[in-house]
Amino acid sequence: LKKKKKLKKYILYIGNNNFQKRSYFFINIAKELFINSKNYEFHMVGDFNFKNSQIKRLSKFNIKIHEKRFDLRRLFLSADLLIAPAINEGFGRIIVEAMLNKVLVIASNSGAHKEIIIDKFNGRLIRSDSLKMFKKVIKDVLSNEKIFKHMVTNAYMISIKRYNIDEYLNSFKKIYK
């Protein structure tokens, strides 16, 4: 499906309130981006256990909270970016899903993110403690359509080759034989 050109940029975060996943770091990114421009819509999907008062406060920054059971496919279809600020993350299935759905991934340069993303080729890797660089890179990639499309295309092509379900099933069969 071809994504429609839209005024707002949809930015996703998928995770939880675990320190490693860094949901509050994402919230800080969202707040700072929103303060500078109202053209962003942020979607957080996962188990956050936010109180209603927290959700109301976040909504002022155009941050929408979705339960873990939310239909990710629908969000991926409208998303421009997936932000993955987690540190020391294992294999990032969500990152691969984003790439397969032609959503650009901006991730911390930590853990398995470095195995999936080749910086500036099929996504962006950012120093995990640099809120300033996350904001800058998000703005840069969203304002340069040519670079954005180039990375999205590369991400999609790599993900369909490298993370093909048939290849995974064959690998698992070999392990159990």
Foldseek 3Di string as FASTA:
>chain_A
DDADDDQAAEEEEEDEPPVQQPPVLVLVLLQVLLVVPVRYAYEYEEYYPDDPVVQVVSVVSNYHYYYNPDDVLVSLSHHQEYEGLGAQDEDDPVLLVSLLSLHAYEYAPHHCVVVLDDDLQQHHYHHSVDSPVVNVVVVVLVVDVVSSNRNSVRSNVCSCVVVPPVVVVVVVVVVVD
